[in-house]
């Protein structure tokens, strides 16, 4: 269970880190921030966003797999509880 908890925490940190990076880049959309938002939507911004999303999804898949393995172990040890 510690491994699952660590993966959850890592996923949470990555999610907030990427969110903060996006907030810092765009901020509220007005004036100068509108120009930054447009730049973000350009090809480089899309590639970065795609990479960030891919990283999050891969980590989420790993977490889901770990949780599934833990459930199978639990079922094997305590078959009468489930």
PDB file of N, CA and C in Angstrom:
ATOM      1  N   UNK A   1       0.817  -1.206   0.000  1.00  0.00           N
ATOM      2  CA  UNK A   1       0.000   0.000   0.000  1.00  0.00           C
ATOM      3  C   UNK A   1       0.852   1.258   0.000  1.00  0.00           C
ATOM      4  N   UNK A   2       2.054   1.164   0.574  1.00  0.00           N
ATOM      5  CA  UNK A   2       2.939   2.328   0.576  1.00  0.00           C
ATOM      6  C   UNK A   2       3.309   2.738  -0.844  1.00  0.00           C
ATOM      7  N   UNK A   3       3.527   1.749  -1.709  1.00  0.00           N
ATOM      8  CA  UNK A   3       3.875   2.056  -3.099  1.00  0.00           C
ATOM      9  C   UNK A   3       2.728   2.783  -3.792  1.00  0.00           C
ATOM     10  N   UNK A   4       1.502   2.357  -3.530  1.00  0.00           N
ATOM     11  CA  UNK A   4       0.332   3.019  -4.114  1.00  0.00           C
ATOM     12  C   UNK A   4       0.229   4.442  -3.593  1.00  0.00           C
ATOM     13  N   UNK A   5       0.411   4.622  -2.298  1.00  0.00           N
ATOM     14  CA  UNK A   5       0.341   5.956  -1.703  1.00  0.00           C
ATOM     15  C   UNK A   5       1.413   6.873  -2.303  1.00  0.00           C
ATOM     16  N   UNK A   6       2.611   6.352  -2.474  1.00  0.00           N
ATOM     17  CA  UNK A   6       3.691   7.150  -3.058  1.00  0.00           C
ATOM     18  C   UNK A   6       3.364   7.542  -4.491  1.00  0.00           C
ATOM     19  N   UNK A   7       2.783   6.616  -5.257  1.00  0.00           N
ATOM     20  CA  UNK A   7       2.398   6.937  -6.629  1.00  0.00           C
ATOM     21  C   UNK A   7       1.292   7.988  -6.654  1.00  0.00           C
ATOM     22  N   UNK A   8       0.339   7.889  -5.731  1.00  0.00           N
ATOM     23  CA  UNK A   8      -0.726   8.890  -5.653  1.00  0.00           C
ATOM     24  C   UNK A   8      -0.142  10.266  -5.356  1.00  0.00           C
ATOM     25  N   UNK A   9       0.788  10.312  -4.414  1.00  0.00           N
ATOM     26  CA  UNK A   9       1.399  11.588  -4.048  1.00  0.00           C
ATOM     27  C   UNK A   9       2.212  12.157  -5.206  1.00  0.00           C
ATOM     28  N   UNK A  10       2.941  11.299  -5.912  1.00  0.00           N
ATOM     29  CA  UNK A  10       3.727  11.760  -7.053  1.00  0.00           C
ATOM     30  C   UNK A  10       2.819  12.299  -8.153  1.00  0.00           C
ATOM     31  N   UNK A  11       1.720  11.595  -8.416  1.00  0.00           N
ATOM     32  CA  UNK A  11       0.759  12.039  -9.417  1.00  0.00           C
ATOM     33  C   UNK A  11       0.143  13.372  -9.013  1.00  0.00           C
ATOM     34  N   UNK A  12      -0.202  13.516  -7.748  1.00  0.00           N
ATOM     35  CA  UNK A  12      -0.779  14.764  -7.255  1.00  0.00           C
ATOM     36  C   UNK A  12       0.219  15.912  -7.411  1.00  0.00           C
ATOM     37  N   UNK A  13       1.480  15.682  -7.019  1.00  0.00           N
ATOM     38  CA  UNK A  13       2.500  16.733  -7.147  1.00  0.00           C
ATOM     39  C   UNK A  13       2.691  17.142  -8.601  1.00  0.00           C
ATOM     40  N   UNK A  14       2.768  16.163  -9.494  1.00  0.00           N
ATOM     41  CA  UNK A  14       2.945  16.464 -10.908  1.00  0.00           C
ATOM     42  C   UNK A  14       1.759  17.253 -11.438  1.00  0.00           C
ATOM     43  N   UNK A  15       0.554  16.851 -11.063  1.00  0.00           N
ATOM     44  CA  UNK A  15      -0.650  17.551 -11.514  1.00  0.00           C
ATOM     45  C   UNK A  15      -0.619  19.020 -11.082  1.00  0.00           C
ATOM     46  N   UNK A  16      -0.323  19.275  -9.805  1.00  0.00           N
ATOM     47  CA  UNK A  16      -0.297  20.648  -9.319  1.00  0.00           C
ATOM     48  C   UNK A  16       0.873  21.434  -9.895  1.00  0.00           C
ATOM     49  N   UNK A  17       1.999  20.772 -10.104  1.00  0.00           N
ATOM     50  CA  UNK A  17       3.155  21.437 -10.701  1.00  0.00           C
ATOM     51  C   UNK A  17       2.831  21.897 -12.122  1.00  0.00           C
ATOM     52  N   UNK A  18       2.202  21.020 -12.900  1.00  0.00           N
ATOM     53  CA  UNK A  18       1.827  21.384 -14.264  1.00  0.00           C
ATOM     54  C   UNK A  18       0.743  22.450 -14.267  1.00  0.00           C
ATOM     55  N   UNK A  19      -0.198  22.357 -13.343  1.00  0.00           N
ATOM     56  CA  UNK A  19      -1.247  23.368 -13.246  1.00  0.00           C
ATOM     57  C   UNK A  19      -0.655  24.730 -12.899  1.00  0.00           C
ATOM     58  N   UNK A  20       0.277  24.761 -11.956  1.00  0.00           N
ATOM     59  CA  UNK A  20       0.921  26.022 -11.592  1.00  0.00           C
ATOM     60  C   UNK A  20       1.712  26.595 -12.754  1.00  0.00           C
ATOM     61  N   UNK A  21       2.344  25.724 -13.532  1.00  0.00           N
ATOM     62  CA  UNK A  21       3.093  26.181 -14.692  1.00  0.00           C
ATOM     63  C   UNK A  21       2.154  26.838 -15.697  1.00  0.00           C
ATOM     64  N   UNK A  22       0.982  26.215 -15.911  1.00  0.00           N
ATOM     65  CA  UNK A  22      -0.008  26.780 -16.829  1.00  0.00           C
ATOM     66  C   UNK A  22      -0.559  28.095 -16.296  1.00  0.00           C
ATOM     67  N   UNK A  23      -0.858  28.156 -14.998  1.00  0.00           N
ATOM     68  CA  UNK A  23      -1.377  29.386 -14.394  1.00  0.00           C
ATOM     69  C   UNK A  23      -0.362  30.513 -14.538  1.00  0.00           C
ATOM     70  N   UNK A  24       0.904  30.194 -14.316  1.00  0.00           N
ATOM     71  CA  UNK A  24       1.953  31.198 -14.427  1.00  0.00           C
ATOM     72  C   UNK A  24       2.117  31.700 -15.842  1.00  0.00           C
ATOM     73  N   UNK A  25       1.830  30.854 -16.815  1.00  0.00           N
ATOM     74  CA  UNK A  25       1.979  31.239 -18.213  1.00  0.00           C
ATOM     75  C   UNK A  25       0.803  32.067 -18.691  1.00  0.00           C
ATOM     76  N   UNK A  26      -0.401  31.646 -18.329  1.00  0.00           N
ATOM     77  CA  UNK A  26      -1.569  32.338 -18.862  1.00  0.00           C
ATOM     78  C   UNK A  26      -2.125  33.385 -17.911  1.00  0.00           C
ATOM     79  N   UNK A  27      -2.284  33.044 -16.650  1.00  0.00           N
ATOM     80  CA  UNK A  27      -2.894  33.972 -15.704  1.00  0.00           C
ATOM     81  C   UNK A  27      -4.292  34.333 -16.174  1.00  0.00           C
ATOM     82  N   UNK A  28      -4.911  35.335 -15.555  1.00  0.00           N
ATOM     83  CA  UNK A  28      -6.204  35.796 -16.048  1.00  0.00           C
ATOM     84  C   UNK A  28      -6.045  36.337 -17.471  1.00  0.00           C
ATOM     85  N   UNK A  29      -6.951  36.015 -18.365  1.00  0.00           N
ATOM     86  CA  UNK A  29      -6.833  36.402 -19.766  1.00  0.00           C
ATOM     87  C   UNK A  29      -7.228  37.868 -19.934  1.00  0.00           C
ATOM     88  N   UNK A  30      -6.229  38.723 -20.084  1.00  0.00           N
ATOM     89  CA  UNK A  30      -6.461  40.137 -20.364  1.00  0.00           C
ATOM     90  C   UNK A  30      -5.141  40.761 -20.786  1.00  0.00           C
ATOM     91  N   UNK A  31      -5.188  41.702 -21.721  1.00  0.00           N
ATOM     92  CA  UNK A  31      -4.005  42.441 -22.145  1.00  0.00           C
ATOM     93  C   UNK A  31      -2.824  41.566 -22.507  1.00  0.00           C
ATOM     94  N   UNK A  32      -1.734  41.766 -21.786  1.00  0.00           N
ATOM     95  CA  UNK A  32      -0.484  41.050 -22.048  1.00  0.00           C
ATOM     96  C   UNK A  32      -0.669  39.549 -21.895  1.00  0.00           C
ATOM     97  N   UNK A  33      -1.484  39.140 -20.946  1.00  0.00           N
ATOM     98  CA  UNK A  33      -1.714  37.709 -20.734  1.00  0.00           C
ATOM     99  C   UNK A  33      -2.397  37.058 -21.936  1.00  0.00           C
ATOM    100  N   UNK A  34      -3.177  37.826 -22.675  1.00  0.00           N
ATOM    101  CA  UNK A  34      -3.827  37.284 -23.868  1.00  0.00           C
ATOM    102  C   UNK A  34      -2.777  36.876 -24.897  1.00  0.00           C
ATOM    103  N   UNK A  35      -1.724  37.703 -25.026  1.00  0.00           N
ATOM    104  CA  UNK A  35      -0.638  37.366 -25.953  1.00  0.00           C
ATOM    105  C   UNK A  35       0.076  36.099 -25.501  1.00  0.00           C
ATOM    106  N   UNK A  36       0.314  35.969 -24.206  1.00  0.00           N
ATOM    107  CA  UNK A  36       0.956  34.761 -23.692  1.00  0.00           C
ATOM    108  C   UNK A  36       0.080  33.539 -23.928  1.00  0.00           C
ATOM    109  N   UNK A  37      -1.213  33.701 -23.768  1.00  0.00           N
ATOM    110  CA  UNK A  37      -2.132  32.583 -23.993  1.00  0.00           C
ATOM    111  C   UNK A  37      -2.100  32.154 -25.455  1.00  0.00           C
ATOM    112  N   UNK A  38      -2.023  33.116 -26.363  1.00  0.00           N
ATOM    113  CA  UNK A  38      -1.935  32.785 -27.789  1.00  0.00           C
ATOM    114  C   UNK A  38      -0.659  32.009 -28.086  1.00  0.00           C
ATOM    115  N   UNK A  39       0.448  32.466 -27.483  1.00  0.00           N
ATOM    116  CA  UNK A  39       1.717  31.755 -27.686  1.00  0.00           C
ATOM    117  C   UNK A  39       1.623  30.327 -27.176  1.00  0.00           C
ATOM    118  N   UNK A  40       0.956  30.164 -26.065  1.00  0.00           N
ATOM    119  CA  UNK A  40       0.807  28.832 -25.478  1.00  0.00           C
ATOM    120  C   UNK A  40       0.073  27.894 -26.427  1.00  0.00           C
ATOM    121  N   UNK A  41      -0.879  28.426 -27.161  1.00  0.00           N
ATOM    122  CA  UNK A  41      -1.663  27.607 -28.076  1.00  0.00           C
ATOM    123  C   UNK A  41      -0.933  27.306 -29.374  1.00  0.00           C
ATOM    124  N   UNK A  42       0.185  27.946 -29.583  1.00  0.00           N
ATOM    125  CA  UNK A  42       0.967  27.673 -30.779  1.00  0.00           C
ATOM    126  C   UNK A  42       1.535  26.259 -30.699  1.00  0.00           C
ATOM    127  N   UNK A  43       2.155  25.838 -31.764  1.00  0.00           N
ATOM    128  CA  UNK A  43       2.630  24.450 -31.878  1.00  0.00           C
ATOM    129  C   UNK A  43       3.478  23.998 -30.698  1.00  0.00           C
ATOM    130  N   UNK A  44       4.415  24.792 -30.269  1.00  0.00           N
ATOM    131  CA  UNK A  44       5.273  24.393 -29.147  1.00  0.00           C
ATOM    132  C   UNK A  44       4.459  24.194 -27.877  1.00  0.00           C
ATOM    133  N   UNK A  45       3.516  25.084 -27.648  1.00  0.00           N
ATOM    134  CA  UNK A  45       2.656  24.958 -26.475  1.00  0.00           C
ATOM    135  C   UNK A  45       1.815  23.695 -26.528  1.00  0.00           C
ATOM    136  N   UNK A  46       1.320  23.375 -27.721  1.00  0.00           N
ATOM    137  CA  UNK A  46       0.532  22.155 -27.877  1.00  0.00           C
ATOM    138  C   UNK A  46       1.381  20.913 -27.639  1.00  0.00           C
ATOM    139  N   UNK A  47       2.616  20.936 -28.133  1.00  0.00           N
ATOM    140  CA  UNK A  47       3.507  19.791 -27.921  1.00  0.00           C
ATOM    141  C   UNK A  47       3.795  19.609 -26.435  1.00  0.00           C
ATOM    142  N   UNK A  48       4.047  20.707 -25.748  1.00  0.00           N
ATOM    143  CA  UNK A  48       4.319  20.635 -24.311  1.00  0.00           C
ATOM    144  C   UNK A  48       3.099  20.120 -23.562  1.00  0.00           C
ATOM    145  N   UNK A  49       1.934  20.637 -23.899  1.00  0.00           N
ATOM    146  CA  UNK A  49       0.699  20.188 -23.245  1.00  0.00           C
ATOM    147  C   UNK A  49       0.453  18.710 -23.498  1.00  0.00           C
ATOM    148  N   UNK A  50       0.695  18.276 -24.733  1.00  0.00           N
ATOM    149  CA  UNK A  50       0.506  16.862 -25.069  1.00  0.00           C
ATOM    150  C   UNK A  50       1.464  15.985 -24.267  1.00  0.00           C
ATOM    151  N   UNK A  51       2.704  16.432 -24.157  1.00  0.00           N
ATOM    152  CA  UNK A  51       3.698  15.680 -23.385  1.00  0.00           C
ATOM    153  C   UNK A  51       3.310  15.621 -21.910  1.00  0.00           C
ATOM    154  N   UNK A  52       2.874  16.758 -21.360  1.00  0.00           N
ATOM    155  CA  UNK A  52       2.462  16.802 -19.954  1.00  0.00           C
ATOM    156  C   UNK A  52       1.277  15.877 -19.704  1.00  0.00           C
ATOM    157  N   UNK A  53       0.315  15.916 -20.595  1.00  0.00           N
ATOM    158  CA  UNK A  53      -0.864  15.061 -20.449  1.00  0.00           C
ATOM    159  C   UNK A  53      -0.480  13.590 -20.560  1.00  0.00           C
ATOM    160  N   UNK A  54       0.410  13.289 -21.486  1.00  0.00           N
ATOM    161  CA  UNK A  54       0.878  11.911 -21.646  1.00  0.00           C
ATOM    162  C   UNK A  54       1.554  11.415 -20.374  1.00  0.00           C
ATOM    163  N   UNK A  55       2.376  12.263 -19.767  1.00  0.00           N
ATOM    164  CA  UNK A  55       3.047  11.901 -18.518  1.00  0.00           C
ATOM    165  C   UNK A  55       2.027  11.629 -17.421  1.00  0.00           C
ATOM    166  N   UNK A  56       1.039  12.506 -17.290  1.00  0.00           N
ATOM    167  CA  UNK A  56       0.002  12.305 -16.274  1.00  0.00           C
ATOM    168  C   UNK A  56      -0.767  11.006 -16.503  1.00  0.00           C
ATOM    169  N   UNK A  57      -1.140  10.745 -17.737  1.00  0.00           N
ATOM    170  CA  UNK A  57      -1.908   9.538 -18.044  1.00  0.00           C
ATOM    171  C   UNK A  57      -1.080   8.284 -17.771  1.00  0.00           C
ATOM    172  N   UNK A  58       0.199   8.308 -18.150  1.00  0.00           N
ATOM    173  CA  UNK A  58       1.063   7.149 -17.887  1.00  0.00           C
ATOM    174  C   UNK A  58       1.187   6.878 -16.395  1.00  0.00           C
ATOM    175  N   UNK A  59       1.349   7.932 -15.612  1.00  0.00           N
ATOM    176  CA  UNK A  59       1.464   7.755 -14.166  1.00  0.00           C
ATOM    177  C   UNK A  59       0.140   7.277 -13.570  1.00  0.00           C
ATOM    178  N   UNK A  60      -0.965   7.769 -14.094  1.00  0.00           N
ATOM    179  CA  UNK A  60      -2.275   7.318 -13.627  1.00  0.00           C
ATOM    180  C   UNK A  60      -2.497   5.841 -13.959  1.00  0.00           C
ATOM    181  N   UNK A  61      -2.069   5.426 -15.148  1.00  0.00           N
ATOM    182  CA  UNK A  61      -2.176   4.011 -15.514  1.00  0.00           C
ATOM    183  C   UNK A  61      -1.341   3.141 -14.580  1.00  0.00           C
ATOM    184  N   UNK A  62      -0.130   3.593 -14.269  1.00  0.00           N
ATOM    185  CA  UNK A  62       0.734   2.834 -13.354  1.00  0.00           C
ATOM    186  C   UNK A  62       0.091   2.737 -11.973  1.00  0.00           C
ATOM    187  N   UNK A  63      -0.495   3.835 -11.519  1.00  0.00           N
ATOM    188  CA  UNK A  63      -1.178   3.837 -10.227  1.00  0.00           C
ATOM    189  C   UNK A  63      -2.361   2.871 -10.239  1.00  0.00           C
ATOM    190  N   UNK A  64      -3.152   2.907 -11.285  1.00  0.00           N
ATOM    191  CA  UNK A  64      -4.307   2.005 -11.391  1.00  0.00           C
ATOM    192  C   UNK A  64      -3.862   0.549 -11.373  1.00  0.00           C
ATOM    193  N   UNK A  65      -2.793   0.257 -12.087  1.00  0.00           N
ATOM    194  CA  UNK A  65      -2.276  -1.113 -12.108  1.00  0.00           C
ATOM    195  C   UNK A  65      -1.823  -1.535 -10.709  1.00  0.00           C
ATOM    196  N   UNK A  66      -1.113  -0.659 -10.021  1.00  0.00           N
ATOM    197  CA  UNK A  66      -0.646  -0.980  -8.665  1.00  0.00           C
ATOM    198  C   UNK A  66      -1.812  -1.242  -7.723  1.00  0.00           C
ATOM    199  N   UNK A  67      -2.857  -0.436  -7.847  1.00  0.00           N
ATOM    200  CA  UNK A  67      -4.028  -0.627  -6.997  1.00  0.00           C
ATOM    201  C   UNK A  67      -4.711  -1.957  -7.316  1.00  0.00           C
ATOM    202  N   UNK A  68      -4.767  -2.311  -8.580  1.00  0.00           N
ATOM    203  CA  UNK A  68      -5.372  -3.574  -8.989  1.00  0.00           C
ATOM    204  C   UNK A  68      -4.582  -4.754  -8.420  1.00  0.00           C
ATOM    205  N   UNK A  69      -3.260  -4.671  -8.500  1.00  0.00           N
ATOM    206  CA  UNK A  69      -2.412  -5.731  -7.952  1.00  0.00           C
ATOM    207  C   UNK A  69      -2.631  -5.854  -6.447  1.00  0.00           C
ATOM    208  N   UNK A  70      -2.739  -4.719  -5.758  1.00  0.00           N
ATOM    209  CA  UNK A  70      -2.995  -4.751  -4.315  1.00  0.00           C
ATOM    210  C   UNK A  70      -4.335  -5.420  -4.013  1.00  0.00           C
ATOM    211  N   UNK A  71      -5.346  -5.116  -4.818  1.00  0.00           N
ATOM    212  CA  UNK A  71      -6.663  -5.730  -4.630  1.00  0.00           C
ATOM    213  C   UNK A  71      -6.594  -7.242  -4.824  1.00  0.00           C
ATOM    214  N   UNK A  72      -5.885  -7.680  -5.859  1.00  0.00           N
ATOM    215  CA  UNK A  72      -5.743  -9.119  -6.090  1.00  0.00           C
ATOM    216  C   UNK A  72      -5.036  -9.796  -4.924  1.00  0.00           C
ATOM    217  N   UNK A  73      -4.000  -9.155  -4.402  1.00  0.00           N
ATOM    218  CA  UNK A  73      -3.300  -9.702  -3.238  1.00  0.00           C
ATOM    219  C   UNK A  73      -4.232  -9.788  -2.033  1.00  0.00           C
ATOM    220  N   UNK A  74      -5.024  -8.750  -1.831  1.00  0.00           N
ATOM    221  CA  UNK A  74      -5.968  -8.721  -0.716  1.00  0.00           C
ATOM    222  C   UNK A  74      -6.990  -9.851  -0.854  1.00  0.00           C
ATOM    223  N   UNK A  75      -7.497 -10.036  -2.074  1.00  0.00           N
ATOM    224  CA  UNK A  75      -8.470 -11.105  -2.315  1.00  0.00           C
ATOM    225  C   UNK A  75      -7.862 -12.478  -2.063  1.00  0.00           C
ATOM    226  N   UNK A  76      -6.601 -12.625  -2.420  1.00  0.00           N
ATOM    227  CA  UNK A  76      -5.932 -13.908  -2.222  1.00  0.00           C
ATOM    228  C   UNK A  76      -5.755 -14.206  -0.736  1.00  0.00           C
ATOM    229  N   UNK A  77      -5.412 -13.172   0.040  1.00  0.00           N
ATOM    230  CA  UNK A  77      -5.158 -13.353   1.468  1.00  0.00           C
ATOM    231  C   UNK A  77      -6.455 -13.464   2.259  1.00  0.00           C
ATOM    232  N   UNK A  78      -7.453 -12.668   1.880  1.00  0.00           N
ATOM    233  CA  UNK A  78      -8.730 -12.639   2.612  1.00  0.00           C
ATOM    234  C   UNK A  78      -9.900 -12.924   1.665  1.00  0.00           C
ATOM    235  N   UNK A  79     -10.005 -14.115   1.128  1.00  0.00           N
ATOM    236  CA  UNK A  79     -11.055 -14.398   0.141  1.00  0.00           C
ATOM    237  C   UNK A  79     -12.469 -14.279   0.697  1.00  0.00           C
ATOM    238  N   UNK A  80     -12.650 -14.492   1.971  1.00  0.00           N
ATOM    239  CA  UNK A  80     -14.005 -14.463   2.534  1.00  0.00           C
ATOM    240  C   UNK A  80     -14.521 -13.044   2.753  1.00  0.00           C
ATOM    241  N   UNK A  81     -13.653 -12.036   2.707  1.00  0.00           N
ATOM    242  CA  UNK A  81     -14.090 -10.657   2.952  1.00  0.00           C
ATOM    243  C   UNK A  81     -14.691  -9.999   1.718  1.00  0.00           C
ATOM    244  N   UNK A  82     -14.386 -10.509   0.569  1.00  0.00           N
ATOM    245  CA  UNK A  82     -14.914  -9.901  -0.651  1.00  0.00           C
ATOM    246  C   UNK A  82     -15.902 -10.790  -1.270  1.00  0.00           C
TER     247      UNK A  82
END
